[in-house]
PDB file of N, CA and C in Angstrom:
ATOM      1  N   MET A   1      26.104   1.301 -13.673  1.00  0.00           N
ATOM      2  CA  MET A   1      24.990   0.745 -12.922  1.00  0.00           C
ATOM      3  C   MET A   1      23.701   1.485 -13.278  1.00  0.00           C
ATOM      4  N   SER A   2      22.650   0.760 -13.343  1.00  0.00           N
ATOM      5  CA  SER A   2      21.365   1.388 -13.619  1.00  0.00           C
ATOM      6  C   SER A   2      20.645   1.660 -12.303  1.00  0.00           C
ATOM      7  N   ALA A   3      19.943   2.770 -12.280  1.00  0.00           N
ATOM      8  CA  ALA A   3      19.200   3.155 -11.079  1.00  0.00           C
ATOM      9  C   ALA A   3      17.929   2.318 -10.970  1.00  0.00           C
ATOM     10  N   VAL A   4      17.613   1.929  -9.762  1.00  0.00           N
ATOM     11  CA  VAL A   4      16.390   1.169  -9.515  1.00  0.00           C
ATOM     12  C   VAL A   4      15.248   2.160  -9.331  1.00  0.00           C
ATOM     13  N   LYS A   5      14.206   1.981 -10.111  1.00  0.00           N
ATOM     14  CA  LYS A   5      13.064   2.875 -10.025  1.00  0.00           C
ATOM     15  C   LYS A   5      12.059   2.310  -9.025  1.00  0.00           C
ATOM     16  N   PHE A   6      11.508   3.203  -8.229  1.00  0.00           N
ATOM     17  CA  PHE A   6      10.515   2.806  -7.225  1.00  0.00           C
ATOM     18  C   PHE A   6       9.127   2.988  -7.804  1.00  0.00           C
ATOM     19  N   ASP A   7       8.312   1.978  -7.695  1.00  0.00           N
ATOM     20  CA  ASP A   7       6.965   2.021  -8.233  1.00  0.00           C
ATOM     21  C   ASP A   7       6.011   2.558  -7.171  1.00  0.00           C
ATOM     22  N   PHE A   8       5.447   3.725  -7.401  1.00  0.00           N
ATOM     23  CA  PHE A   8       4.558   4.372  -6.440  1.00  0.00           C
ATOM     24  C   PHE A   8       3.111   3.885  -6.533  1.00  0.00           C
ATOM     25  N   LYS A   9       2.783   3.126  -7.565  1.00  0.00           N
ATOM     26  CA  LYS A   9       1.395   2.694  -7.753  1.00  0.00           C
ATOM     27  C   LYS A   9       0.841   1.924  -6.554  1.00  0.00           C
ATOM     28  N   PRO A  10       1.541   0.921  -6.031  1.00  0.00           N
ATOM     29  CA  PRO A  10       0.981   0.202  -4.880  1.00  0.00           C
ATOM     30  C   PRO A  10       0.851   1.089  -3.632  1.00  0.00           C
ATOM     31  N   VAL A  11       1.776   2.022  -3.458  1.00  0.00           N
ATOM     32  CA  VAL A  11       1.725   2.915  -2.309  1.00  0.00           C
ATOM     33  C   VAL A  11       0.525   3.843  -2.417  1.00  0.00           C
ATOM     34  N   LEU A  12       0.320   4.438  -3.574  1.00  0.00           N
ATOM     35  CA  LEU A  12      -0.816   5.335  -3.775  1.00  0.00           C
ATOM     36  C   LEU A  12      -2.137   4.586  -3.664  1.00  0.00           C
ATOM     37  N   SER A  13      -2.166   3.366  -4.162  1.00  0.00           N
ATOM     38  CA  SER A  13      -3.379   2.565  -4.064  1.00  0.00           C
ATOM     39  C   SER A  13      -3.706   2.263  -2.597  1.00  0.00           C
ATOM     40  N   THR A  14      -2.697   1.924  -1.815  1.00  0.00           N
ATOM     41  CA  THR A  14      -2.907   1.637  -0.398  1.00  0.00           C
ATOM     42  C   THR A  14      -3.355   2.882   0.356  1.00  0.00           C
ATOM     43  N   VAL A  15      -2.747   4.016   0.082  1.00  0.00           N
ATOM     44  CA  VAL A  15      -3.136   5.264   0.730  1.00  0.00           C
ATOM     45  C   VAL A  15      -4.571   5.622   0.368  1.00  0.00           C
ATOM     46  N   MET A  16      -4.941   5.410  -0.888  1.00  0.00           N
ATOM     47  CA  MET A  16      -6.303   5.696  -1.321  1.00  0.00           C
ATOM     48  C   MET A  16      -7.306   4.828  -0.558  1.00  0.00           C
ATOM     49  N   TRP A  17      -7.020   3.531  -0.407  1.00  0.00           N
ATOM     50  CA  TRP A  17      -7.928   2.637   0.307  1.00  0.00           C
ATOM     51  C   TRP A  17      -8.024   2.994   1.792  1.00  0.00           C
ATOM     52  N   VAL A  18      -6.920   3.411   2.391  1.00  0.00           N
ATOM     53  CA  VAL A  18      -6.948   3.826   3.798  1.00  0.00           C
ATOM     54  C   VAL A  18      -7.807   5.077   3.956  1.00  0.00           C
ATOM     55  N   LEU A  19      -7.666   6.045   3.055  1.00  0.00           N
ATOM     56  CA  LEU A  19      -8.478   7.256   3.117  1.00  0.00           C
ATOM     57  C   LEU A  19      -9.960   6.959   2.906  1.00  0.00           C
ATOM     58  N   ILE A  20     -10.271   6.066   1.977  1.00  0.00           N
ATOM     59  CA  ILE A  20     -11.664   5.676   1.744  1.00  0.00           C
ATOM     60  C   ILE A  20     -12.223   5.004   2.993  1.00  0.00           C
ATOM     61  N   PHE A  21     -11.437   4.121   3.606  1.00  0.00           N
ATOM     62  CA  PHE A  21     -11.879   3.442   4.818  1.00  0.00           C
ATOM     63  C   PHE A  21     -12.133   4.441   5.949  1.00  0.00           C
ATOM     64  N   MET A  22     -11.234   5.401   6.131  1.00  0.00           N
ATOM     65  CA  MET A  22     -11.402   6.398   7.189  1.00  0.00           C
ATOM     66  C   MET A  22     -12.625   7.267   6.929  1.00  0.00           C
ATOM     67  N   LEU A  23     -12.869   7.657   5.687  1.00  0.00           N
ATOM     68  CA  LEU A  23     -14.044   8.450   5.344  1.00  0.00           C
ATOM     69  C   LEU A  23     -15.328   7.669   5.621  1.00  0.00           C
ATOM     70  N   MET A  24     -15.360   6.404   5.226  1.00  0.00           N
ATOM     71  CA  MET A  24     -16.538   5.575   5.479  1.00  0.00           C
ATOM     72  C   MET A  24     -16.764   5.373   6.978  1.00  0.00           C
ATOM     73  N   ALA A  25     -15.685   5.195   7.745  1.00  0.00           N
ATOM     74  CA  ALA A  25     -15.805   5.035   9.193  1.00  0.00           C
ATOM     75  C   ALA A  25     -16.375   6.306   9.820  1.00  0.00           C
ATOM     76  N   PHE A  26     -15.925   7.464   9.353  1.00  0.00           N
ATOM     77  CA  PHE A  26     -16.419   8.743   9.867  1.00  0.00           C
ATOM     78  C   PHE A  26     -17.905   8.920   9.551  1.00  0.00           C
ATOM     79  N   ILE A  27     -18.303   8.586   8.337  1.00  0.00           N
ATOM     80  CA  ILE A  27     -19.709   8.704   7.934  1.00  0.00           C
ATOM     81  C   ILE A  27     -20.582   7.749   8.745  1.00  0.00           C
ATOM     82  N   LEU A  28     -20.129   6.507   8.911  1.00  0.00           N
ATOM     83  CA  LEU A  28     -20.914   5.536   9.674  1.00  0.00           C
ATOM     84  C   LEU A  28     -20.970   5.891  11.155  1.00  0.00           C
ATOM     85  N   PHE A  29     -19.910   6.483  11.689  1.00  0.00           N
ATOM     86  CA  PHE A  29     -19.923   6.937  13.076  1.00  0.00           C
ATOM     87  C   PHE A  29     -20.971   8.027  13.268  1.00  0.00           C
ATOM     88  N   GLY A  30     -21.011   8.977  12.346  1.00  0.00           N
ATOM     89  CA  GLY A  30     -22.019  10.037  12.402  1.00  0.00           C
ATOM     90  C   GLY A  30     -23.430   9.489  12.270  1.00  0.00           C
ATOM     91  N   ALA A  31     -23.614   8.523  11.370  1.00  0.00           N
ATOM     92  CA  ALA A  31     -24.932   7.906  11.213  1.00  0.00           C
ATOM     93  C   ALA A  31     -25.333   7.152  12.475  1.00  0.00           C
ATOM     94  N   GLY A  32     -24.385   6.492  13.104  1.00  0.00           N
ATOM     95  CA  GLY A  32     -24.661   5.785  14.344  1.00  0.00           C
ATOM     96  C   GLY A  32     -25.027   6.730  15.466  1.00  0.00           C
ATOM     97  N   LEU A  33     -24.340   7.868  15.536  1.00  0.00           N
ATOM     98  CA  LEU A  33     -24.702   8.880  16.533  1.00  0.00           C
ATOM     99  C   LEU A  33     -26.125   9.373  16.308  1.00  0.00           C
ATOM    100  N   MET A  34     -26.476   9.610  15.060  1.00  0.00           N
ATOM    101  CA  MET A  34     -27.814  10.110  14.749  1.00  0.00           C
ATOM    102  C   MET A  34     -28.887   9.078  15.091  1.00  0.00           C
ATOM    103  N   VAL A  35     -28.635   7.815  14.791  1.00  0.00           N
ATOM    104  CA  VAL A  35     -29.608   6.768  15.112  1.00  0.00           C
ATOM    105  C   VAL A  35     -29.728   6.624  16.628  1.00  0.00           C
ATOM    106  N   GLY A  36     -28.602   6.603  17.318  1.00  0.00           N
ATOM    107  CA  GLY A  36     -28.639   6.449  18.766  1.00  0.00           C
ATOM    108  C   GLY A  36     -29.334   7.600  19.461  1.00  0.00           C
ATOM    109  N   TYR A  37     -29.074   8.811  19.020  1.00  0.00           N
ATOM    110  CA  TYR A  37     -29.666   9.982  19.657  1.00  0.00           C
ATOM    111  C   TYR A  37     -31.094  10.218  19.196  1.00  0.00           C
ATOM    112  N   GLY A  38     -31.358   9.979  17.939  1.00  0.00           N
ATOM    113  CA  GLY A  38     -32.673  10.282  17.386  1.00  0.00           C
ATOM    114  C   GLY A  38     -33.696   9.187  17.586  1.00  0.00           C
ATOM    115  N   VAL A  39     -33.304   7.957  17.337  1.00  0.00           N
ATOM    116  CA  VAL A  39     -34.257   6.854  17.412  1.00  0.00           C
ATOM    117  C   VAL A  39     -34.321   6.285  18.824  1.00  0.00           C
ATOM    118  N   LEU A  40     -33.174   5.920  19.363  1.00  0.00           N
ATOM    119  CA  LEU A  40     -33.159   5.314  20.696  1.00  0.00           C
ATOM    120  C   LEU A  40     -33.394   6.335  21.802  1.00  0.00           C
ATOM    121  N   GLY A  41     -32.925   7.558  21.587  1.00  0.00           N
ATOM    122  CA  GLY A  41     -33.058   8.584  22.615  1.00  0.00           C
ATOM    123  C   GLY A  41     -34.254   9.489  22.436  1.00  0.00           C
ATOM    124  N   ASP A  42     -35.046   9.274  21.417  1.00  0.00           N
ATOM    125  CA  ASP A  42     -36.244  10.073  21.132  1.00  0.00           C
ATOM    126  C   ASP A  42     -35.952  11.565  21.031  1.00  0.00           C
ATOM    127  N   GLY A  43     -34.835  11.923  20.430  1.00  0.00           N
ATOM    128  CA  GLY A  43     -34.497  13.323  20.222  1.00  0.00           C
ATOM    129  C   GLY A  43     -34.430  13.629  18.742  1.00  0.00           C
ATOM    130  N   ASN A  44     -34.137  14.868  18.428  1.00  0.00           N
ATOM    131  CA  ASN A  44     -33.946  15.269  17.045  1.00  0.00           C
ATOM    132  C   ASN A  44     -32.565  14.775  16.593  1.00  0.00           C
ATOM    133  N   PRO A  45     -32.477  13.941  15.560  1.00  0.00           N
ATOM    134  CA  PRO A  45     -31.185  13.380  15.152  1.00  0.00           C
ATOM    135  C   PRO A  45     -30.127  14.431  14.801  1.00  0.00           C
ATOM    136  N   MET A  46     -30.534  15.585  14.299  1.00  0.00           N
ATOM    137  CA  MET A  46     -29.555  16.606  13.920  1.00  0.00           C
ATOM    138  C   MET A  46     -28.973  17.319  15.139  1.00  0.00           C
ATOM    139  N   LEU A  47     -29.635  17.232  16.276  1.00  0.00           N
ATOM    140  CA  LEU A  47     -29.125  17.893  17.480  1.00  0.00           C
ATOM    141  C   LEU A  47     -27.918  17.176  18.075  1.00  0.00           C
ATOM    142  N   VAL A  48     -27.622  15.981  17.593  1.00  0.00           N
ATOM    143  CA  VAL A  48     -26.455  15.262  18.095  1.00  0.00           C
ATOM    144  C   VAL A  48     -25.169  16.000  17.711  1.00  0.00           C
ATOM    145  N   PHE A  49     -25.210  16.832  16.697  1.00  0.00           N
ATOM    146  CA  PHE A  49     -24.042  17.587  16.267  1.00  0.00           C
ATOM    147  C   PHE A  49     -23.982  18.979  16.897  1.00  0.00           C
ATOM    148  N   SER A  50     -24.906  19.276  17.791  1.00  0.00           N
ATOM    149  CA  SER A  50     -24.956  20.581  18.453  1.00  0.00           C
ATOM    150  C   SER A  50     -23.923  20.645  19.584  1.00  0.00           C
ATOM    151  N   ARG A  51     -23.290  21.781  19.731  1.00  0.00           N
ATOM    152  CA  ARG A  51     -22.301  21.974  20.786  1.00  0.00           C
ATOM    153  C   ARG A  51     -22.940  21.873  22.168  1.00  0.00           C
ATOM    154  N   GLN A  52     -24.153  22.375  22.326  1.00  0.00           N
ATOM    155  CA  GLN A  52     -24.836  22.328  23.614  1.00  0.00           C
ATOM    156  C   GLN A  52     -25.105  20.890  24.050  1.00  0.00           C
ATOM    157  N   THR A  53     -25.387  20.020  23.111  1.00  0.00           N
ATOM    158  CA  THR A  53     -25.624  18.615  23.438  1.00  0.00           C
ATOM    159  C   THR A  53     -24.381  17.992  24.047  1.00  0.00           C
ATOM    160  N   TRP A  54     -23.225  18.244  23.423  1.00  0.00           N
ATOM    161  CA  TRP A  54     -21.980  17.659  23.916  1.00  0.00           C
ATOM    162  C   TRP A  54     -21.536  18.297  25.224  1.00  0.00           C
ATOM    163  N   GLU A  55     -21.786  19.609  25.399  1.00  0.00           N
ATOM    164  CA  GLU A  55     -21.472  20.241  26.674  1.00  0.00           C
ATOM    165  C   GLU A  55     -22.314  19.625  27.783  1.00  0.00           C
ATOM    166  N   HIS A  56     -23.581  19.353  27.501  1.00  0.00           N
ATOM    167  CA  HIS A  56     -24.458  18.720  28.484  1.00  0.00           C
ATOM    168  C   HIS A  56     -23.952  17.314  28.836  1.00  0.00           C
ATOM    169  N   ILE A  57     -23.543  16.557  27.838  1.00  0.00           N
ATOM    170  CA  ILE A  57     -23.036  15.197  28.063  1.00  0.00           C
ATOM    171  C   ILE A  57     -21.775  15.237  28.918  1.00  0.00           C
ATOM    172  N   PHE A  58     -20.835  16.122  28.580  1.00  0.00           N
ATOM    173  CA  PHE A  58     -19.582  16.198  29.335  1.00  0.00           C
ATOM    174  C   PHE A  58     -19.795  16.702  30.747  1.00  0.00           C
ATOM    175  N   ASN A  59     -20.725  17.648  30.928  1.00  0.00           N
ATOM    176  CA  ASN A  59     -21.049  18.117  32.277  1.00  0.00           C
ATOM    177  C   ASN A  59     -21.706  17.020  33.084  1.00  0.00           C
ATOM    178  N   TYR A  60     -22.499  16.176  32.453  1.00  0.00           N
ATOM    179  CA  TYR A  60     -23.151  15.057  33.142  1.00  0.00           C
ATOM    180  C   TYR A  60     -22.111  14.041  33.610  1.00  0.00           C
ATOM    181  N   ILE A  61     -21.104  13.806  32.784  1.00  0.00           N
ATOM    182  CA  ILE A  61     -20.047  12.849  33.123  1.00  0.00           C
ATOM    183  C   ILE A  61     -19.220  13.345  34.300  1.00  0.00           C
ATOM    184  N   ARG A  62     -18.940  14.645  34.330  1.00  0.00           N
ATOM    185  CA  ARG A  62     -18.136  15.206  35.427  1.00  0.00           C
ATOM    186  C   ARG A  62     -18.943  15.151  36.681  1.00  0.00           C
TER     187      ARG A  62
END
């Protein structure tokens, strides 16, 4: 009997596309945070990544 070989090309291609999609989603999420905080909220867009900003938001929610 001959062994059946498994073709990894479609699996690797699918994993690559999923990783690209997740990276793009992460980048667009960050850009959306910056636009929302900087443009709509009239703040410094880079401060959206500050720990103090998120602590303030979470304390406000509580």
